[in-house]
């Protein structure tokens, strides 16, 4: 059998691109264990865990503000569909996870939309899924954004995220309007 014949039967893989941003990413080493711009092929049965604990998590963040396991992504196939979907689950007892503008408390889960913003603390993740035919494997790839994803993508204004009874904002930039003279417009 020639390699040309093999290419015809090879199935496309479901692909999840995750673009990340944190205001302290350049000087803190938060993402030092994440391999950026590198596609990673994984079995579809794999549950991806994101957090601080490198013994449990596939993707770790070097930050004491992050829970040992912050959230997980798991593939599943809906009854009425031939494509794989992702489910996102908040694994943190101390921090809510915001998916688009829906708040997920501890152990809450939901289907991941094709394109969505996932946030907690100062972390921003733009997740974009492309469907594939394979039910056996999927691929992920991380991209590092040089600027806030909320500003870049014109996402709705952010709400404060409760964390230990106080509020912590997702961005270091002020969201309060600046007063301007009409001539400046």
N, C-alpha and C. Protein backbone atom coordinates (compact mmCIF):
# COMPACT_ATOMS: atom_id res chain seq x y z
N UNK A 1 0.84 -1.18 0.00
CA UNK A 1 0.00 0.00 0.00
C UNK A 1 0.90 1.25 0.00
N UNK A 2 0.63 2.16 -0.89
CA UNK A 2 1.46 3.36 -0.98
C UNK A 2 1.04 4.40 0.06
N UNK A 3 1.92 5.35 0.32
CA UNK A 3 1.61 6.40 1.29
C UNK A 3 0.48 7.30 0.77
N UNK A 4 0.33 7.38 -0.54
CA UNK A 4 -0.76 8.16 -1.12
C UNK A 4 -2.11 7.55 -0.72
N UNK A 5 -2.21 6.24 -0.75
CA UNK A 5 -3.46 5.58 -0.35
C UNK A 5 -3.74 5.77 1.13
N UNK A 6 -2.69 5.75 1.95
CA UNK A 6 -2.84 5.97 3.39
C UNK A 6 -3.41 7.36 3.67
N UNK A 7 -2.95 8.35 2.92
CA UNK A 7 -3.37 9.73 3.15
C UNK A 7 -4.88 9.89 2.94
N UNK A 8 -5.44 9.15 2.01
CA UNK A 8 -6.88 9.25 1.75
C UNK A 8 -7.73 8.77 2.93
N UNK A 9 -7.23 7.79 3.66
CA UNK A 9 -8.02 7.21 4.74
C UNK A 9 -7.77 7.87 6.10
N UNK A 10 -6.79 8.76 6.18
CA UNK A 10 -6.47 9.40 7.44
C UNK A 10 -7.57 10.40 7.82
N UNK A 11 -8.09 10.27 9.02
CA UNK A 11 -9.16 11.15 9.48
C UNK A 11 -8.60 12.45 10.04
N UNK A 12 -9.36 13.52 9.89
CA UNK A 12 -8.96 14.78 10.50
C UNK A 12 -9.25 14.73 12.00
N UNK A 13 -8.49 15.47 12.76
CA UNK A 13 -8.63 15.46 14.21
C UNK A 13 -9.36 16.72 14.69
N UNK A 14 -10.17 16.57 15.72
CA UNK A 14 -10.74 17.73 16.39
C UNK A 14 -9.57 18.51 16.97
N UNK A 15 -9.63 19.82 16.83
CA UNK A 15 -8.50 20.68 17.19
C UNK A 15 -8.99 21.77 18.12
N UNK A 16 -8.29 21.97 19.23
CA UNK A 16 -8.62 23.03 20.17
C UNK A 16 -7.42 23.95 20.29
N UNK A 17 -7.60 25.19 19.82
CA UNK A 17 -6.55 26.21 19.95
C UNK A 17 -6.87 27.05 21.18
N UNK A 18 -5.88 27.19 22.06
CA UNK A 18 -6.06 27.93 23.30
C UNK A 18 -5.07 29.09 23.31
N UNK A 19 -5.59 30.31 23.18
CA UNK A 19 -4.76 31.51 23.24
C UNK A 19 -4.84 32.02 24.67
N UNK A 20 -3.69 32.26 25.30
CA UNK A 20 -3.67 32.64 26.71
C UNK A 20 -3.07 34.03 26.90
N UNK A 21 -3.51 34.65 27.99
CA UNK A 21 -2.95 35.95 28.39
C UNK A 21 -3.05 36.10 29.90
N UNK A 22 -2.01 36.65 30.48
CA UNK A 22 -1.98 37.06 31.90
C UNK A 22 -1.13 38.33 31.95
N UNK A 23 -1.56 39.36 32.68
CA UNK A 23 -0.81 40.62 32.68
C UNK A 23 0.64 40.47 33.16
N UNK A 24 0.96 39.47 33.98
CA UNK A 24 2.33 39.30 34.46
C UNK A 24 3.10 38.22 33.75
N UNK A 25 2.65 37.81 32.56
CA UNK A 25 3.23 36.64 31.88
C UNK A 25 4.70 36.81 31.48
N UNK A 26 5.14 38.01 31.22
CA UNK A 26 6.51 38.18 30.72
C UNK A 26 7.56 38.12 31.81
N UNK A 27 7.24 38.63 33.01
CA UNK A 27 8.27 38.67 34.04
C UNK A 27 8.07 37.69 35.18
N UNK A 28 7.02 36.88 35.14
CA UNK A 28 6.76 35.99 36.28
C UNK A 28 7.01 34.51 36.00
N UNK A 29 7.13 34.12 34.75
CA UNK A 29 7.35 32.71 34.43
C UNK A 29 6.11 31.83 34.64
N UNK A 30 4.94 32.44 34.70
CA UNK A 30 3.68 31.72 34.93
C UNK A 30 3.49 30.58 33.93
N UNK A 31 3.79 30.85 32.67
CA UNK A 31 3.54 29.87 31.60
C UNK A 31 4.80 29.10 31.19
N UNK A 32 5.83 29.08 32.02
CA UNK A 32 7.10 28.46 31.63
C UNK A 32 6.98 26.98 31.30
N UNK A 33 5.99 26.28 31.85
CA UNK A 33 5.87 24.85 31.57
C UNK A 33 4.92 24.55 30.40
N UNK A 34 4.34 25.58 29.80
CA UNK A 34 3.44 25.39 28.65
C UNK A 34 4.27 25.53 27.38
N UNK A 35 4.15 24.54 26.51
CA UNK A 35 4.86 24.60 25.22
C UNK A 35 3.95 25.28 24.20
N UNK A 36 4.33 26.49 23.82
CA UNK A 36 3.53 27.27 22.89
C UNK A 36 3.84 26.90 21.44
N UNK A 37 2.84 27.10 20.56
CA UNK A 37 2.96 26.91 19.11
C UNK A 37 3.37 25.49 18.75
N UNK A 38 2.97 24.52 19.59
CA UNK A 38 3.33 23.13 19.36
C UNK A 38 2.04 22.30 19.44
N UNK A 39 1.61 21.75 18.31
CA UNK A 39 0.41 20.91 18.33
C UNK A 39 0.69 19.63 19.10
N UNK A 40 -0.25 19.26 19.97
CA UNK A 40 -0.09 18.05 20.77
C UNK A 40 -1.28 17.13 20.49
N UNK A 41 -0.97 15.90 20.06
CA UNK A 41 -2.00 14.90 19.75
C UNK A 41 -2.25 14.06 21.00
N UNK A 42 -3.52 13.94 21.38
CA UNK A 42 -3.90 13.21 22.59
C UNK A 42 -5.04 12.24 22.30
N UNK A 43 -5.14 11.14 23.08
CA UNK A 43 -6.29 10.25 22.91
C UNK A 43 -7.58 10.94 23.37
N UNK A 44 -8.68 10.68 22.71
CA UNK A 44 -9.94 11.36 23.03
C UNK A 44 -10.47 11.01 24.41
N UNK A 45 -9.97 9.94 25.01
CA UNK A 45 -10.41 9.56 26.35
C UNK A 45 -9.69 10.37 27.44
N UNK A 46 -8.68 11.13 27.05
CA UNK A 46 -7.87 11.90 28.00
C UNK A 46 -8.66 13.09 28.56
N UNK A 47 -8.63 13.26 29.88
CA UNK A 47 -9.22 14.44 30.52
C UNK A 47 -8.08 15.42 30.77
N UNK A 48 -8.17 16.59 30.13
CA UNK A 48 -7.12 17.60 30.29
C UNK A 48 -7.37 18.39 31.56
N UNK A 49 -6.35 18.49 32.40
CA UNK A 49 -6.47 19.26 33.63
C UNK A 49 -5.50 20.43 33.59
N UNK A 50 -5.98 21.58 34.03
CA UNK A 50 -5.21 22.81 34.06
C UNK A 50 -5.11 23.26 35.52
N UNK A 51 -3.92 23.61 35.97
CA UNK A 51 -3.77 24.06 37.35
C UNK A 51 -2.32 24.21 37.73
N UNK A 52 -2.05 24.15 39.05
CA UNK A 52 -0.71 24.36 39.59
C UNK A 52 0.05 23.06 39.84
N UNK A 53 -0.66 21.96 40.06
CA UNK A 53 -0.02 20.69 40.43
C UNK A 53 0.48 19.93 39.20
N UNK A 54 1.80 19.88 39.04
CA UNK A 54 2.38 19.24 37.85
C UNK A 54 2.25 17.72 37.87
N UNK A 55 1.93 17.13 39.01
CA UNK A 55 1.74 15.67 39.07
C UNK A 55 0.37 15.26 38.55
N UNK A 56 -0.58 16.17 38.56
CA UNK A 56 -1.95 15.86 38.15
C UNK A 56 -2.31 16.53 36.83
N UNK A 57 -1.84 17.75 36.62
CA UNK A 57 -2.28 18.58 35.50
C UNK A 57 -1.42 18.40 34.25
N UNK A 58 -2.08 18.43 33.09
CA UNK A 58 -1.38 18.40 31.80
C UNK A 58 -0.71 19.75 31.55
N UNK A 59 -1.41 20.84 31.95
CA UNK A 59 -0.93 22.18 31.71
C UNK A 59 -0.87 22.90 33.05
N UNK A 60 0.36 23.27 33.45
CA UNK A 60 0.54 23.88 34.77
C UNK A 60 0.92 25.35 34.65
N UNK A 61 0.47 26.10 35.65
CA UNK A 61 0.75 27.53 35.73
C UNK A 61 1.49 27.77 37.03
N UNK A 62 2.65 28.41 36.95
CA UNK A 62 3.51 28.66 38.10
C UNK A 62 2.99 29.90 38.84
N UNK A 63 1.93 29.71 39.62
CA UNK A 63 1.29 30.84 40.28
C UNK A 63 0.52 30.32 41.50
N UNK A 64 0.81 30.84 42.68
CA UNK A 64 0.14 30.40 43.91
C UNK A 64 -1.34 30.78 43.92
N UNK A 65 -1.76 31.70 43.06
CA UNK A 65 -3.17 32.09 42.96
C UNK A 65 -4.01 31.03 42.25
N UNK A 66 -3.35 30.14 41.53
CA UNK A 66 -4.02 29.10 40.77
C UNK A 66 -4.23 27.89 41.68
N UNK A 67 -5.40 27.27 41.60
CA UNK A 67 -5.67 26.06 42.39
C UNK A 67 -4.82 24.91 41.89
N UNK A 68 -4.67 23.89 42.74
CA UNK A 68 -3.90 22.71 42.32
C UNK A 68 -4.46 22.16 41.02
N UNK A 69 -5.79 22.02 40.96
CA UNK A 69 -6.47 21.72 39.70
C UNK A 69 -7.54 22.80 39.55
N UNK A 70 -7.37 23.66 38.55
CA UNK A 70 -8.26 24.81 38.36
C UNK A 70 -9.51 24.41 37.57
N UNK A 71 -9.28 23.77 36.40
CA UNK A 71 -10.41 23.31 35.59
C UNK A 71 -9.97 22.15 34.71
N UNK A 72 -10.97 21.46 34.16
CA UNK A 72 -10.68 20.33 33.27
C UNK A 72 -11.50 20.44 32.00
N UNK A 73 -10.98 19.83 30.95
CA UNK A 73 -11.68 19.72 29.67
C UNK A 73 -11.77 18.24 29.32
N UNK A 74 -12.96 17.81 28.93
CA UNK A 74 -13.14 16.41 28.56
C UNK A 74 -13.96 16.34 27.29
N UNK A 75 -13.55 15.45 26.39
CA UNK A 75 -14.28 15.25 25.14
C UNK A 75 -15.46 14.32 25.36
N UNK A 76 -16.52 14.54 24.61
CA UNK A 76 -17.65 13.63 24.59
C UNK A 76 -18.35 13.78 23.24
N UNK A 77 -19.23 12.84 22.94
CA UNK A 77 -19.98 12.88 21.68
C UNK A 77 -21.46 12.92 22.03
N UNK A 78 -22.14 13.95 21.57
CA UNK A 78 -23.57 14.07 21.81
C UNK A 78 -24.30 12.96 21.04
N UNK A 79 -25.45 12.53 21.56
CA UNK A 79 -26.22 11.46 20.92
C UNK A 79 -26.56 11.77 19.46
N UNK A 80 -26.93 13.01 19.19
CA UNK A 80 -27.41 13.38 17.86
C UNK A 80 -26.32 13.97 16.97
N UNK A 81 -25.05 13.71 17.28
CA UNK A 81 -23.97 14.34 16.54
C UNK A 81 -22.89 13.33 16.18
N UNK A 82 -22.17 13.62 15.10
CA UNK A 82 -21.05 12.76 14.71
C UNK A 82 -19.71 13.39 15.12
N UNK A 83 -19.75 14.61 15.67
CA UNK A 83 -18.51 15.30 16.05
C UNK A 83 -18.32 15.29 17.56
N UNK A 84 -17.07 15.48 17.96
CA UNK A 84 -16.74 15.53 19.38
C UNK A 84 -16.96 16.94 19.92
N UNK A 85 -17.41 17.01 21.15
CA UNK A 85 -17.58 18.28 21.84
C UNK A 85 -16.72 18.26 23.09
N UNK A 86 -16.44 19.44 23.63
CA UNK A 86 -15.70 19.54 24.89
C UNK A 86 -16.65 19.98 25.99
N UNK A 87 -16.38 19.48 27.17
CA UNK A 87 -17.09 19.89 28.37
C UNK A 87 -16.03 20.51 29.29
N UNK A 88 -16.35 21.68 29.84
CA UNK A 88 -15.43 22.34 30.77
C UNK A 88 -16.01 22.26 32.17
N UNK A 89 -15.15 21.96 33.15
CA UNK A 89 -15.61 21.78 34.52
C UNK A 89 -14.70 22.55 35.46
N UNK A 90 -15.29 23.33 36.36
CA UNK A 90 -14.51 24.07 37.34
C UNK A 90 -14.13 23.13 38.48
N UNK A 91 -12.84 22.99 38.73
CA UNK A 91 -12.34 22.09 39.78
C UNK A 91 -11.84 22.86 41.01
N UNK A 92 -11.99 24.19 40.99
CA UNK A 92 -11.48 25.02 42.07
C UNK A 92 -12.56 25.34 43.09
N UNK A 93 -12.27 25.11 44.37
CA UNK A 93 -13.21 25.45 45.43
C UNK A 93 -13.18 26.94 45.74
N UNK A 94 -12.07 27.61 45.43
CA UNK A 94 -11.92 29.00 45.84
C UNK A 94 -12.21 30.04 44.76
N UNK A 95 -12.19 29.65 43.49
CA UNK A 95 -12.36 30.64 42.43
C UNK A 95 -13.39 30.17 41.41
N UNK A 96 -14.33 31.04 41.08
CA UNK A 96 -15.28 30.74 40.02
C UNK A 96 -14.58 30.81 38.68
N UNK A 97 -15.09 30.07 37.73
CA UNK A 97 -14.61 30.07 36.36
C UNK A 97 -15.67 30.78 35.54
N UNK A 98 -15.27 31.72 34.71
CA UNK A 98 -16.21 32.44 33.87
C UNK A 98 -16.02 31.94 32.43
N UNK A 99 -17.08 31.37 31.85
CA UNK A 99 -17.05 30.90 30.46
C UNK A 99 -18.00 31.82 29.70
N UNK A 100 -17.42 32.62 28.79
CA UNK A 100 -18.11 33.75 28.20
C UNK A 100 -18.62 34.57 29.38
N UNK A 101 -19.89 34.72 29.62
CA UNK A 101 -20.31 35.46 30.81
C UNK A 101 -21.08 34.60 31.78
N UNK A 102 -20.90 33.28 31.70
CA UNK A 102 -21.56 32.37 32.64
C UNK A 102 -20.56 31.97 33.73
N UNK A 103 -20.99 32.07 34.97
CA UNK A 103 -20.13 31.73 36.09
C UNK A 103 -20.32 30.27 36.48
N UNK A 104 -19.22 29.54 36.53
CA UNK A 104 -19.24 28.14 36.97
C UNK A 104 -18.61 28.07 38.35
N UNK A 105 -19.38 27.61 39.33
CA UNK A 105 -18.85 27.39 40.66
C UNK A 105 -18.15 26.04 40.71
N UNK A 106 -17.70 25.67 41.89
CA UNK A 106 -16.99 24.41 42.10
C UNK A 106 -17.82 23.22 41.60
N UNK A 107 -17.22 22.40 40.76
CA UNK A 107 -17.77 21.19 40.14
C UNK A 107 -18.90 21.44 39.13
N UNK A 108 -19.19 22.73 38.84
CA UNK A 108 -20.14 23.02 37.77
C UNK A 108 -19.45 22.75 36.44
N UNK A 109 -20.23 22.30 35.44
CA UNK A 109 -19.67 22.04 34.12
C UNK A 109 -20.66 22.48 33.06
N UNK A 110 -20.16 22.66 31.84
CA UNK A 110 -21.01 23.02 30.70
C UNK A 110 -20.29 22.65 29.41
N UNK A 111 -21.07 22.57 28.34
CA UNK A 111 -20.48 22.34 27.02
C UNK A 111 -19.69 23.58 26.63
N UNK A 112 -18.52 23.37 26.09
CA UNK A 112 -17.67 24.48 25.64
C UNK A 112 -18.15 24.93 24.27
N UNK A 113 -18.51 26.22 24.12
CA UNK A 113 -18.91 26.71 22.79
C UNK A 113 -17.72 26.62 21.81
N UNK A 114 -17.99 26.71 20.52
CA UNK A 114 -16.93 26.62 19.51
C UNK A 114 -15.87 27.69 19.72
N UNK A 115 -16.29 28.86 20.15
CA UNK A 115 -15.35 29.95 20.44
C UNK A 115 -15.83 30.60 21.72
N UNK A 116 -14.95 30.66 22.71
CA UNK A 116 -15.36 31.28 23.97
C UNK A 116 -14.17 31.82 24.73
N UNK A 117 -14.47 32.71 25.68
CA UNK A 117 -13.47 33.26 26.57
C UNK A 117 -13.66 32.60 27.93
N UNK A 118 -12.59 32.01 28.45
CA UNK A 118 -12.61 31.40 29.78
C UNK A 118 -11.69 32.24 30.66
N UNK A 119 -12.20 32.64 31.85
CA UNK A 119 -11.42 33.51 32.72
C UNK A 119 -11.51 33.07 34.17
N UNK A 120 -10.46 33.32 34.90
CA UNK A 120 -10.44 33.24 36.36
C UNK A 120 -9.27 34.10 36.81
N UNK A 121 -9.43 34.80 37.93
CA UNK A 121 -8.37 35.71 38.38
C UNK A 121 -7.97 36.63 37.25
N UNK A 122 -6.66 36.74 36.99
CA UNK A 122 -6.15 37.58 35.89
C UNK A 122 -5.93 36.79 34.61
N UNK A 123 -6.30 35.52 34.60
CA UNK A 123 -6.07 34.64 33.44
C UNK A 123 -7.19 34.78 32.42
N UNK A 124 -6.79 34.79 31.15
CA UNK A 124 -7.74 34.83 30.03
C UNK A 124 -7.34 33.74 29.04
N UNK A 125 -8.32 32.93 28.63
CA UNK A 125 -8.10 31.85 27.67
C UNK A 125 -9.14 31.99 26.57
N UNK A 126 -8.70 32.22 25.35
CA UNK A 126 -9.60 32.21 24.21
C UNK A 126 -9.52 30.81 23.63
N UNK A 127 -10.64 30.06 23.70
CA UNK A 127 -10.66 28.68 23.21
C UNK A 127 -11.47 28.61 21.93
N UNK A 128 -10.84 28.04 20.90
CA UNK A 128 -11.48 27.92 19.59
C UNK A 128 -11.35 26.48 19.10
N UNK A 129 -12.49 25.88 18.79
CA UNK A 129 -12.52 24.46 18.40
C UNK A 129 -12.82 24.32 16.91
N UNK A 130 -12.11 23.38 16.27
CA UNK A 130 -12.40 22.99 14.89
C UNK A 130 -12.76 21.51 14.92
N UNK A 131 -13.86 21.15 14.27
CA UNK A 131 -14.31 19.77 14.25
C UNK A 131 -13.40 18.89 13.40
N UNK A 132 -13.29 17.64 13.81
CA UNK A 132 -12.56 16.64 13.04
C UNK A 132 -13.41 15.38 12.95
N UNK A 133 -12.97 14.42 12.16
CA UNK A 133 -13.73 13.18 11.96
C UNK A 133 -13.35 12.11 12.98
N UNK A 134 -12.12 12.13 13.45
CA UNK A 134 -11.62 11.06 14.32
C UNK A 134 -12.30 11.08 15.68
N UNK A 135 -12.68 9.90 16.16
CA UNK A 135 -13.20 9.76 17.52
C UNK A 135 -12.11 9.25 18.45
N UNK A 136 -10.94 8.93 17.91
CA UNK A 136 -9.86 8.34 18.70
C UNK A 136 -8.89 9.36 19.29
N UNK A 137 -8.65 10.45 18.55
CA UNK A 137 -7.64 11.43 18.97
C UNK A 137 -8.15 12.85 18.74
N UNK A 138 -7.49 13.80 19.41
CA UNK A 138 -7.71 15.22 19.16
C UNK A 138 -6.38 15.93 19.34
N UNK A 139 -6.32 17.20 18.96
CA UNK A 139 -5.09 17.98 19.09
C UNK A 139 -5.37 19.28 19.82
N UNK A 140 -4.34 19.74 20.56
CA UNK A 140 -4.41 21.05 21.20
C UNK A 140 -3.18 21.85 20.78
N UNK A 141 -3.31 23.15 20.86
CA UNK A 141 -2.18 24.04 20.62
C UNK A 141 -2.38 25.30 21.45
N UNK A 142 -1.31 25.76 22.10
CA UNK A 142 -1.35 26.99 22.88
C UNK A 142 -0.67 28.12 22.14
N UNK A 143 -1.29 29.29 22.19
CA UNK A 143 -0.74 30.51 21.60
C UNK A 143 -0.65 31.52 22.75
N UNK A 144 0.44 32.27 22.82
CA UNK A 144 0.62 33.29 23.85
C UNK A 144 0.27 34.64 23.24
N UNK A 145 -0.70 35.33 23.82
CA UNK A 145 -1.10 36.64 23.31
C UNK A 145 -0.29 37.74 24.00
N UNK A 146 0.22 38.71 23.24
CA UNK A 146 0.99 39.79 23.85
C UNK A 146 0.12 40.82 24.57
N UNK A 147 -1.18 40.82 24.29
CA UNK A 147 -2.07 41.80 24.92
C UNK A 147 -3.36 41.14 25.39
N UNK A 148 -4.10 41.86 26.21
CA UNK A 148 -5.34 41.35 26.78
C UNK A 148 -6.28 40.86 25.69
N UNK A 149 -6.81 39.67 25.87
CA UNK A 149 -7.74 39.09 24.89
C UNK A 149 -9.09 39.77 24.96
N UNK A 150 -9.45 40.28 26.13
CA UNK A 150 -10.74 40.96 26.28
C UNK A 150 -10.78 42.21 25.42
N UNK A 151 -9.69 42.97 25.38
CA UNK A 151 -9.65 44.19 24.58
C UNK A 151 -9.50 43.87 23.11
N UNK A 152 -8.67 42.87 22.80
CA UNK A 152 -8.38 42.51 21.42
C UNK A 152 -9.62 41.99 20.69
N UNK A 153 -10.45 41.23 21.38
CA UNK A 153 -11.57 40.56 20.73
C UNK A 153 -12.91 41.26 20.93
N UNK A 154 -12.90 42.42 21.58
CA UNK A 154 -14.14 43.15 21.86
C UNK A 154 -15.15 42.30 22.61
N UNK A 155 -14.69 41.59 23.63
CA UNK A 155 -15.60 40.80 24.46
C UNK A 155 -16.36 41.74 25.36
N UNK A 156 -17.53 41.30 25.86
CA UNK A 156 -18.31 42.15 26.75
C UNK A 156 -17.48 42.54 27.98
N UNK A 157 -17.81 43.68 28.59
CA UNK A 157 -17.06 44.12 29.77
C UNK A 157 -17.08 43.05 30.85
N UNK A 158 -15.98 42.96 31.57
CA UNK A 158 -15.87 41.91 32.57
C UNK A 158 -16.51 42.30 33.89
N UNK A 159 -16.99 41.30 34.56
CA UNK A 159 -17.55 41.46 35.90
C UNK A 159 -16.48 41.04 36.90
N UNK A 160 -16.52 41.58 38.11
CA UNK A 160 -15.57 41.11 39.12
C UNK A 160 -15.80 39.63 39.41
N UNK A 161 -14.75 38.92 39.72
CA UNK A 161 -14.83 37.49 40.03
C UNK A 161 -14.60 37.33 41.53
N UNK A 162 -15.61 36.82 42.26
CA UNK A 162 -15.43 36.65 43.70
C UNK A 162 -14.31 35.65 44.00
N UNK A 163 -13.47 35.99 44.95
CA UNK A 163 -12.38 35.10 45.34
C UNK A 163 -12.12 35.35 46.82
N UNK A 164 -12.46 34.39 47.66
CA UNK A 164 -12.29 34.51 49.11
C UNK A 164 -12.99 35.74 49.67
N UNK A 165 -14.19 36.03 49.20
CA UNK A 165 -14.96 37.13 49.76
C UNK A 165 -14.57 38.50 49.24
N UNK A 166 -13.47 38.60 48.50
CA UNK A 166 -13.10 39.89 47.93
C UNK A 166 -13.23 39.79 46.42
N UNK A 167 -13.04 40.89 45.74
CA UNK A 167 -13.17 40.86 44.29
C UNK A 167 -11.81 41.04 43.65
N UNK A 168 -11.60 40.26 42.62
CA UNK A 168 -10.35 40.35 41.88
C UNK A 168 -10.74 40.51 40.41
N UNK A 169 -10.18 41.49 39.75
CA UNK A 169 -10.55 41.75 38.36
C UNK A 169 -9.67 40.96 37.41
N UNK A 170 -10.22 40.70 36.21
CA UNK A 170 -9.50 39.90 35.23
C UNK A 170 -8.46 40.69 34.47
N UNK A 171 -8.43 41.97 34.62
CA UNK A 171 -7.50 42.78 33.87
C UNK A 171 -6.90 43.82 34.79
N UNK A 172 -5.67 44.21 34.50
CA UNK A 172 -5.05 45.24 35.31
C UNK A 172 -5.43 46.61 34.80
N UNK A 173 -5.98 46.69 33.63
CA UNK A 173 -6.39 47.98 33.08
C UNK A 173 -7.72 48.39 33.68
N UNK A 174 -7.89 49.67 33.90
CA UNK A 174 -9.12 50.18 34.49
C UNK A 174 -10.26 50.08 33.49
N UNK A 175 -11.44 49.69 33.97
CA UNK A 175 -12.59 49.62 33.07
C UNK A 175 -13.52 50.81 33.30
N UNK A 176 -13.10 51.74 34.17
CA UNK A 176 -13.94 52.92 34.39
C UNK A 176 -13.75 53.89 33.24
N UNK A 177 -14.83 54.55 32.81
CA UNK A 177 -14.70 55.48 31.69
C UNK A 177 -13.83 56.68 32.07
N UNK A 178 -13.10 57.18 31.12
CA UNK A 178 -12.27 58.36 31.34
C UNK A 178 -13.05 59.56 30.81
N UNK A 179 -13.05 60.62 31.60
CA UNK A 179 -13.78 61.81 31.17
C UNK A 179 -12.98 62.51 30.08
N UNK A 180 -13.68 62.94 29.02
CA UNK A 180 -13.02 63.60 27.90
C UNK A 180 -13.74 64.90 27.58
N UNK A 181 -13.00 65.82 27.06
CA UNK A 181 -13.58 67.06 26.54
C UNK A 181 -14.20 66.71 25.19
N UNK A 182 -15.34 67.33 24.83
CA UNK A 182 -15.98 66.98 23.55
C UNK A 182 -15.05 67.23 22.37
N UNK A 183 -14.15 68.18 22.50
CA UNK A 183 -13.23 68.47 21.39
C UNK A 183 -12.21 67.37 21.18
N UNK A 184 -12.03 66.49 22.17
CA UNK A 184 -11.07 65.40 22.02
C UNK A 184 -11.63 64.25 21.19
N UNK A 185 -12.95 64.18 21.00
CA UNK A 185 -13.55 63.07 20.29
C UNK A 185 -13.32 63.10 18.82
